[in-house]
Amino acid sequence: MVSIQNKKIAIIGGGPSGLTLARLLQLKGYEVKVYERDTDKNVRQQGATLDLHEESGLKALIAAGLLGDFKKHYRPDADKLRLTDHNAVVHFDDHTSEIPVAQNGGSFRPEIDRGPFRDLLISSLKKDTIVWNSKFVSLKAKDEGWDLIFDNGNTVYADLVIAADGANSKIRNYITDVASVYSGLTIVEGNIYNAARNAPNLWKLAKGGKIFALGFEKSIILSTKGDGSLSFYTGTKEKKDWVKTSGINFENKEAVYDWFKGRFADWGSEWHELFGSDESYFVPRPQYHFPTDQQWQSLSNLTMLGDAAHRMPPYAGEGVNMAMLDALELAEQLTAKGFSDIKTAISKYEIAMRQRAAKITEITLESMENMHSKEALKFLLDTFNRLH
């Protein structure tokens, strides 16, 4: 029988997957620590909203006993979408649908802002579960576990280490040398604060929900947030080293705006409003994914979940959902009866996780390609009409 009852368990990373796993293990009576690089919960710049799916993210949330609290914080209309062309002309509008917003079932895919969602997960944990200001540096084998070394000078021992440290995971390299693959697409993420004032026309166009704008093999995705800000992703096909070779200072709004005016010169001027205020930030994000056939030998004291295990572009809305399902399935295996050792439990989890992630990665890459094709608008319009 698997037993982690007396084991010291360390989760590296305080994102949705790490926090969900910590909650699930604590519900089963196990001791766990989450080591997070942020100095506190208010430091992180939070990106676009998240939508949780019944078969994955919501399933994990229900297992964690948090669905009731979640329903107090999610935004019922934030999942409504408007599909536009490059001139901001609306071709599909969820807001005109007479279908009532579902509270349960397969069509219940609620949106929640990242900040409130993270706060909800943090507040569900026992006091002092999260060790803040703990930026991971390296692992060193010790006895049957690991010494974890942090840049604040601390060294902590753990019998079992779980990497939830995101797409640029440092711990992944201790498990496998399978490298990520550049998808051919780069996102420039932006966030406009006080959007009703600073981008009033686009704020009005979004109507409290989302906008997918497609044209000329490029995309802009807008998401409204409960704090009154508007986040966006541009999607363009760029060379792998474009961020470094472009010469753009992404901390300078005018430099990013100059690039945008050139790269999106065949789009309408309506989108220039995204750069009308200094109350904003911009971050370039080249989109990578792991090979769908990735394999590695499971270890007895180290595993990973979420983006560390299967990073992928955000064009199917599956990232956080797969990560939370990872947390649920790993927790189930680690606390299950009938296995002889922890390595067996980790192996079973990893085999199933890789198979599931491979399918989702293929779907995501296909969606990304279709959304940046010459017939992207027609593709997505046909898809939405078919679904509705």
Protein backbone atom coordinates (compact mmCIF):
# COMPACT_ATOMS: atom_id res chain seq x y z
CA MET A 1 0.00 0.00 0.00
CA VAL A 2 1.25 3.46 -0.92
CA SER A 3 1.96 5.56 2.16
CA ILE A 4 3.01 9.20 2.18
CA GLN A 5 1.65 9.64 5.70
CA ASN A 6 5.01 10.34 7.29
CA LYS A 7 6.69 11.82 4.22
CA LYS A 8 7.75 15.42 3.83
CA ILE A 9 6.03 16.63 0.65
CA ALA A 10 7.20 19.76 -1.16
CA ILE A 11 5.32 21.42 -4.00
CA ILE A 12 7.35 23.95 -5.97
CA GLY A 13 5.08 26.66 -7.36
CA GLY A 14 1.94 28.34 -6.07
CA GLY A 15 -0.14 28.43 -9.23
CA PRO A 16 -3.51 26.68 -9.71
CA SER A 17 -2.05 23.16 -10.04
CA GLY A 18 0.24 23.38 -7.03
CA LEU A 19 -2.37 24.98 -4.80
CA THR A 20 -5.06 22.50 -5.89
CA LEU A 21 -2.77 19.56 -5.16
CA ALA A 22 -1.90 20.96 -1.74
CA ARG A 23 -5.59 21.35 -0.91
CA LEU A 24 -6.43 17.81 -2.04
CA LEU A 25 -3.58 16.27 -0.03
CA GLN A 26 -4.49 18.26 3.07
CA LEU A 27 -8.07 17.04 2.82
CA LYS A 28 -6.68 13.50 3.06
CA GLY A 29 -4.70 14.42 6.15
CA TYR A 30 -1.23 14.71 4.64
CA GLU A 31 1.35 17.37 5.47
CA VAL A 32 2.54 19.47 2.57
CA LYS A 33 4.44 22.69 1.96
CA VAL A 34 4.17 24.92 -1.10
CA TYR A 35 7.29 26.92 -1.97
CA GLU A 36 6.49 30.03 -4.01
CA ARG A 37 8.94 32.54 -5.47
CA ASP A 38 6.61 35.55 -4.98
CA THR A 39 7.16 37.55 -1.81
CA ASP A 40 3.41 37.49 -1.11
CA LYS A 41 0.12 36.78 -2.85
CA ASN A 42 -0.23 40.34 -4.19
CA VAL A 43 2.98 40.49 -6.23
CA ARG A 44 2.07 38.60 -9.41
CA GLN A 45 0.75 40.36 -12.51
CA GLN A 46 -2.30 38.28 -13.37
CA GLY A 47 -3.17 37.62 -17.01
CA ALA A 48 -6.40 36.81 -18.82
CA THR A 49 -9.40 35.16 -17.22
CA LEU A 50 -9.71 31.39 -16.83
CA ASP A 51 -12.61 29.18 -17.86
CA LEU A 52 -13.01 25.90 -16.03
CA HIS A 53 -14.38 22.79 -17.71
CA GLU A 54 -16.68 20.24 -16.13
CA GLU A 55 -14.52 17.21 -16.97
CA SER A 56 -11.27 18.70 -15.64
CA GLY A 57 -10.93 22.00 -13.76
CA LEU A 58 -14.39 21.91 -12.20
CA LYS A 59 -13.99 18.21 -11.41
CA ALA A 60 -10.86 19.00 -9.39
CA LEU A 61 -12.56 21.97 -7.75
CA ILE A 62 -15.47 19.80 -6.65
CA ALA A 63 -13.08 17.18 -5.24
CA ALA A 64 -11.37 19.98 -3.34
CA GLY A 65 -14.71 21.03 -1.84
CA LEU A 66 -14.45 24.52 -3.30
CA LEU A 67 -17.25 24.76 -5.87
CA GLY A 68 -19.48 26.74 -3.51
CA ASP A 69 -16.78 29.33 -2.83
CA PHE A 70 -15.93 29.42 -6.52
CA LYS A 71 -19.51 30.31 -7.46
CA LYS A 72 -19.29 33.33 -5.16
CA HIS A 73 -16.38 34.73 -7.16
CA TYR A 74 -16.82 33.73 -10.79
CA ARG A 75 -18.22 36.18 -13.34
CA PRO A 76 -21.36 34.73 -14.99
CA ASP A 77 -21.20 36.73 -18.24
CA ALA A 78 -17.42 36.78 -18.64
CA ASP A 79 -17.52 33.66 -20.85
CA LYS A 80 -19.68 35.39 -23.46
CA LEU A 81 -17.78 35.88 -26.69
CA ARG A 82 -17.92 38.21 -29.67
CA LEU A 83 -16.09 37.15 -32.83
CA THR A 84 -14.93 40.01 -35.03
CA ASP A 85 -12.89 40.55 -38.15
CA HIS A 86 -9.78 42.73 -38.43
CA ASN A 87 -11.96 45.86 -38.58
CA ALA A 88 -13.76 45.04 -35.32
CA VAL A 89 -16.98 44.16 -37.15
CA VAL A 90 -18.91 41.61 -35.10
CA HIS A 91 -19.72 38.35 -36.95
CA PHE A 92 -20.85 36.26 -33.98
CA ASP A 93 -22.25 37.41 -30.66
CA ASP A 94 -22.87 35.24 -27.59
CA HIS A 95 -24.66 38.17 -25.97
CA THR A 96 -27.61 37.84 -28.34
CA SER A 97 -28.10 34.19 -27.44
CA GLU A 98 -31.32 33.39 -25.61
CA ILE A 99 -29.78 30.32 -24.02
CA PRO A 100 -29.70 30.88 -20.23
CA VAL A 101 -26.37 30.75 -18.43
CA ALA A 102 -25.87 27.22 -17.11
CA GLN A 103 -25.02 26.70 -13.46
CA ASN A 104 -24.13 23.04 -13.85
CA GLY A 105 -23.47 20.43 -16.54
CA GLY A 106 -21.29 20.27 -19.60
CA SER A 107 -22.18 23.78 -20.81
CA PHE A 108 -21.16 25.32 -17.47
CA ARG A 109 -17.71 26.69 -18.31
CA PRO A 110 -17.48 29.60 -15.91
CA GLU A 111 -14.88 32.35 -16.15
CA ILE A 112 -12.99 33.68 -13.16
CA ASP A 113 -10.21 36.22 -12.90
CA ARG A 114 -6.83 34.71 -12.06
CA GLY A 115 -6.27 36.87 -8.99
CA PRO A 116 -9.50 35.99 -7.15
CA PHE A 117 -9.11 32.34 -8.15
CA ARG A 118 -5.61 32.16 -6.73
CA ASP A 119 -6.80 33.90 -3.56
CA LEU A 120 -9.62 31.35 -3.22
CA LEU A 121 -7.18 28.46 -3.43
CA ILE A 122 -4.71 30.08 -1.04
CA SER A 123 -7.40 30.73 1.58
CA SER A 124 -8.44 27.04 1.44
CA LEU A 125 -5.04 25.90 2.74
CA LYS A 126 -3.87 25.56 6.31
CA LYS A 127 -2.01 28.52 7.76
CA ASP A 128 1.68 28.64 6.81
CA THR A 129 1.28 26.02 4.06
CA ILE A 130 2.82 28.45 1.58
CA VAL A 131 6.42 29.47 2.11
CA TRP A 132 6.72 32.78 0.27
CA ASN A 133 9.90 34.33 -1.12
CA SER A 134 11.25 30.88 -2.01
CA LYS A 135 12.72 31.01 -5.50
CA PHE A 136 13.93 27.53 -6.39
CA VAL A 137 17.58 27.17 -7.44
CA SER A 138 18.47 23.48 -7.46
CA LEU A 139 17.94 19.98 -6.09
CA LYS A 140 20.56 17.81 -4.42
CA ALA A 141 19.94 14.12 -3.76
CA LYS A 142 19.92 13.25 -0.07
CA ASP A 143 18.99 9.90 1.50
CA GLU A 144 15.86 8.78 -0.36
CA GLY A 145 14.71 12.34 -1.10
CA TRP A 146 16.07 15.77 -1.97
CA ASP A 147 17.55 18.89 -0.49
CA LEU A 148 15.82 21.88 -2.05
CA ILE A 149 18.04 24.93 -2.38
CA PHE A 150 16.50 28.40 -2.68
CA ASP A 151 18.07 31.72 -3.63
CA ASN A 152 17.22 33.20 -0.22
CA GLY A 153 19.84 30.88 1.27
CA ASN A 154 17.43 28.33 2.70
CA THR A 155 17.85 24.58 2.20
CA VAL A 156 14.91 22.29 2.93
CA TYR A 157 14.68 18.50 2.83
CA ALA A 158 11.70 16.69 1.25
CA ASP A 159 11.00 13.02 0.67
CA LEU A 160 8.78 13.81 -2.31
CA VAL A 161 9.10 16.87 -4.58
CA ILE A 162 6.39 17.86 -7.01
CA ALA A 163 7.18 20.41 -9.72
CA ALA A 164 4.37 22.88 -10.31
CA ASP A 165 6.75 25.62 -11.39
CA GLY A 166 5.27 26.39 -14.78
CA ALA A 167 6.28 26.46 -18.41
CA ASN A 168 9.90 27.35 -17.69
CA SER A 169 10.25 24.75 -14.95
CA LYS A 170 13.73 24.30 -13.51
CA ILE A 171 12.79 21.00 -11.90
CA ARG A 172 11.69 19.34 -15.15
CA ASN A 173 15.36 18.93 -16.12
CA TYR A 174 15.84 16.57 -13.17
CA ILE A 175 13.16 14.30 -14.64
CA THR A 176 13.69 14.43 -18.41
CA ASP A 177 15.80 16.13 -21.06
CA VAL A 178 12.93 16.23 -23.58
CA ALA A 179 12.94 19.85 -24.77
CA SER A 180 10.02 22.03 -25.76
CA VAL A 181 9.31 22.89 -29.42
CA TYR A 182 8.59 26.38 -30.74
CA SER A 183 5.12 26.50 -32.26
CA GLY A 184 5.86 29.26 -34.78
CA LEU A 185 3.61 31.76 -33.01
CA THR A 186 4.47 34.52 -30.56
CA ILE A 187 2.02 36.32 -28.29
CA VAL A 188 2.41 39.84 -27.01
CA GLU A 189 0.39 40.00 -23.82
CA GLY A 190 -0.91 43.34 -22.66
CA ASN A 191 -3.07 44.67 -19.88
CA ILE A 192 -4.91 48.00 -19.92
CA TYR A 193 -5.94 49.29 -16.51
CA ASN A 194 -9.09 51.40 -16.06
CA ALA A 195 -10.14 50.28 -19.52
CA ALA A 196 -13.52 52.05 -19.50
CA ARG A 197 -11.54 55.29 -19.46
CA ASN A 198 -8.37 54.28 -21.30
CA ALA A 199 -9.85 52.08 -24.05
CA PRO A 200 -13.56 52.98 -23.93
CA ASN A 201 -14.57 51.74 -27.38
CA LEU A 202 -12.92 48.33 -27.03
CA TRP A 203 -14.21 48.03 -23.46
CA LYS A 204 -17.72 48.67 -24.76
CA LEU A 205 -17.22 46.26 -27.65
CA ALA A 206 -16.20 43.47 -25.25
CA LYS A 207 -19.40 43.95 -23.19
CA GLY A 208 -17.91 42.40 -20.07
CA GLY A 209 -16.84 39.25 -21.89
CA LYS A 210 -14.29 38.27 -24.52
CA ILE A 211 -13.42 39.22 -28.10
CA PHE A 212 -11.72 36.98 -30.63
CA ALA A 213 -10.55 39.10 -33.57
CA LEU A 214 -9.11 37.31 -36.59
CA GLY A 215 -7.70 38.38 -39.92
CA PHE A 216 -4.69 38.17 -42.25
CA GLU A 217 -3.27 35.20 -40.31
CA LYS A 218 -3.14 37.20 -37.07
CA SER A 219 -5.28 37.41 -33.96
CA ILE A 220 -6.18 39.63 -31.04
CA ILE A 221 -7.94 38.14 -28.02
CA LEU A 222 -9.44 40.54 -25.49
CA SER A 223 -10.69 39.59 -22.00
CA THR A 224 -12.42 41.93 -19.58
CA LYS A 225 -11.65 41.53 -15.90
CA GLY A 226 -13.58 42.28 -12.75
CA ASP A 227 -11.09 44.96 -11.67
CA GLY A 228 -11.99 47.04 -14.72
CA SER A 229 -8.91 46.15 -16.74
CA LEU A 230 -8.73 44.70 -20.24
CA SER A 231 -6.14 42.04 -21.02
CA PHE A 232 -5.18 41.10 -24.56
CA TYR A 233 -3.05 38.69 -26.54
CA THR A 234 -1.81 39.44 -30.03
CA GLY A 235 -0.98 36.32 -32.04
CA THR A 236 1.49 36.57 -34.92
CA LYS A 237 3.77 34.18 -36.77
CA GLU A 238 7.33 35.10 -35.89
CA LYS A 239 10.76 33.50 -35.99
CA LYS A 240 11.87 31.60 -32.91
CA ASP A 241 14.34 34.29 -31.83
CA TRP A 242 12.13 37.25 -32.77
CA VAL A 243 11.82 38.62 -29.23
CA LYS A 244 15.61 38.96 -28.98
CA THR A 245 16.33 40.05 -32.55
CA SER A 246 13.41 42.46 -33.05
CA GLY A 247 15.09 45.20 -31.05
CA ILE A 248 11.80 46.04 -29.34
CA ASN A 249 11.90 47.23 -25.75
CA PHE A 250 8.72 45.61 -24.48
CA GLU A 251 8.82 47.76 -21.36
CA ASN A 252 8.37 50.83 -23.54
CA LYS A 253 4.80 51.36 -24.71
CA GLU A 254 5.77 53.48 -27.73
CA ALA A 255 8.21 50.83 -28.95
CA VAL A 256 5.53 48.15 -28.75
CA TYR A 257 3.00 50.49 -30.38
CA ASP A 258 5.37 51.18 -33.29
CA TRP A 259 5.71 47.44 -33.84
CA PHE A 260 1.95 46.97 -33.63
CA LYS A 261 1.21 49.72 -36.17
CA GLY A 262 3.54 48.06 -38.64
CA ARG A 263 2.65 44.42 -37.98
CA PHE A 264 -1.10 45.12 -37.90
CA ALA A 265 -1.08 47.77 -40.65
CA ASP A 266 -3.72 45.76 -42.53
CA TRP A 267 -6.06 45.89 -39.51
CA GLY A 268 -8.42 48.73 -38.64
CA SER A 269 -7.34 51.62 -36.47
CA GLU A 270 -9.90 50.65 -33.81
CA TRP A 271 -7.29 48.41 -32.20
CA HIS A 272 -4.83 51.28 -31.67
CA GLU A 273 -6.85 52.20 -28.61
CA LEU A 274 -4.97 49.43 -26.80
CA PHE A 275 -1.98 51.75 -26.72
CA GLY A 276 -3.73 54.98 -25.74
CA SER A 277 -2.75 54.95 -22.10
CA ASP A 278 0.35 54.60 -19.97
CA GLU A 279 -1.69 52.55 -17.50
CA SER A 280 -0.62 49.32 -19.14
CA TYR A 281 2.06 46.65 -19.41
CA PHE A 282 3.27 44.37 -22.22
CA VAL A 283 5.07 41.01 -22.18
CA PRO A 284 6.24 38.96 -25.21
CA ARG A 285 5.51 35.24 -24.94
CA PRO A 286 6.87 32.88 -27.64
CA GLN A 287 4.58 29.86 -27.67
CA TYR A 288 6.17 26.47 -27.06
CA HIS A 289 4.83 22.98 -26.56
CA PHE A 290 6.26 19.62 -25.64
CA PRO A 291 6.36 16.77 -28.17
CA THR A 292 3.22 14.67 -28.07
CA ASP A 293 5.32 11.49 -27.88
CA GLN A 294 7.46 12.57 -24.92
CA GLN A 295 8.47 9.77 -22.56
CA TRP A 296 10.61 9.41 -19.44
CA GLN A 297 11.28 6.93 -16.67
CA SER A 298 9.32 7.66 -13.53
CA LEU A 299 11.18 8.39 -10.30
CA SER A 300 10.26 7.44 -6.75
CA ASN A 301 10.66 10.89 -5.24
CA LEU A 302 10.04 13.47 -7.98
CA THR A 303 7.25 14.25 -10.46
CA MET A 304 5.62 17.20 -12.18
CA LEU A 305 2.28 18.56 -13.28
CA GLY A 306 0.74 21.43 -15.24
CA ASP A 307 2.82 23.47 -17.66
CA ALA A 308 6.02 21.92 -16.32
CA ALA A 309 4.83 18.60 -17.76
CA HIS A 310 2.86 19.68 -20.82
CA ARG A 311 3.07 23.36 -21.72
CA MET A 312 1.00 24.39 -24.72
CA PRO A 313 -0.34 27.56 -26.40
CA PRO A 314 -3.60 29.00 -24.98
CA TYR A 315 -5.79 28.35 -28.01
CA ALA A 316 -8.07 25.68 -26.64
CA GLY A 317 -8.55 26.95 -23.10
CA GLU A 318 -7.13 23.75 -21.66
CA GLY A 319 -3.98 24.83 -19.80
CA VAL A 320 -5.37 25.44 -16.32
CA ASN A 321 -7.92 22.66 -16.75
CA MET A 322 -5.27 20.05 -17.56
CA ALA A 323 -3.13 21.32 -14.70
CA MET A 324 -5.92 20.99 -12.16
CA LEU A 325 -6.85 17.55 -13.46
CA ASP A 326 -3.18 16.59 -13.05
CA ALA A 327 -3.43 17.64 -9.41
CA LEU A 328 -6.55 15.56 -8.89
CA GLU A 329 -5.18 12.43 -10.56
CA LEU A 330 -1.81 12.68 -8.83
CA ALA A 331 -3.49 13.13 -5.44
CA GLU A 332 -5.68 10.10 -6.13
CA GLN A 333 -2.70 7.93 -7.03
CA LEU A 334 -0.57 9.06 -4.09
CA THR A 335 -3.37 8.32 -1.62
CA ALA A 336 -4.73 5.17 -3.28
CA LYS A 337 -4.71 1.69 -1.83
CA GLY A 338 -3.26 -1.33 -3.62
CA PHE A 339 0.16 -0.16 -4.86
CA SER A 340 3.42 -1.40 -3.41
CA ASP A 341 5.37 1.86 -3.55
CA ILE A 342 5.23 5.56 -4.40
CA LYS A 343 7.11 5.07 -7.66
CA THR A 344 4.29 2.83 -8.91
CA ALA A 345 1.75 5.51 -8.07
CA ILE A 346 3.79 8.23 -9.79
CA SER A 347 4.31 6.03 -12.84
CA LYS A 348 0.61 5.33 -13.22
CA TYR A 349 -0.18 9.03 -12.91
CA GLU A 350 2.50 10.07 -15.41
CA ILE A 351 1.53 7.51 -18.05
CA ALA A 352 -2.12 8.60 -17.99
CA MET A 353 -1.17 12.28 -17.83
CA ARG A 354 1.11 12.05 -20.88
CA GLN A 355 -1.54 10.27 -22.93
CA ARG A 356 -4.18 12.83 -22.01
CA ALA A 357 -1.86 15.79 -22.57
CA ALA A 358 -0.78 14.48 -25.98
CA LYS A 359 -4.36 14.52 -27.24
CA ILE A 360 -5.02 18.00 -25.87
CA THR A 361 -1.77 19.32 -27.33
CA GLU A 362 -2.75 18.07 -30.78
CA ILE A 363 -6.18 19.71 -30.47
CA THR A 364 -4.60 22.95 -29.26
CA LEU A 365 -2.05 23.13 -32.07
CA GLU A 366 -4.75 22.44 -34.65
CA SER A 367 -6.89 25.20 -33.16
CA MET A 368 -3.94 27.60 -33.13
CA GLU A 369 -3.17 26.84 -36.78
CA ASN A 370 -6.79 27.31 -37.84
CA MET A 371 -7.10 30.61 -35.96
CA HIS A 372 -4.08 31.96 -37.81
CA SER A 373 -4.91 30.66 -41.27
CA LYS A 374 -6.17 32.67 -44.24
CA GLU A 375 -9.70 31.34 -43.59
CA ALA A 376 -9.53 31.78 -39.82
CA LEU A 377 -12.69 33.84 -39.47
CA LYS A 378 -14.74 31.38 -41.50
CA PHE A 379 -13.32 28.45 -39.56
CA LEU A 380 -14.19 29.89 -36.16
CA LEU A 381 -17.56 31.20 -37.32
CA ASP A 382 -18.50 27.75 -38.64
CA THR A 383 -17.31 26.19 -35.39
CA PHE A 384 -19.37 28.51 -33.19
CA ASN A 385 -22.48 28.20 -35.32
CA ARG A 386 -22.16 24.44 -35.20
CA LEU A 387 -21.83 24.47 -31.42
CA HIS A 388 -24.82 26.77 -30.99
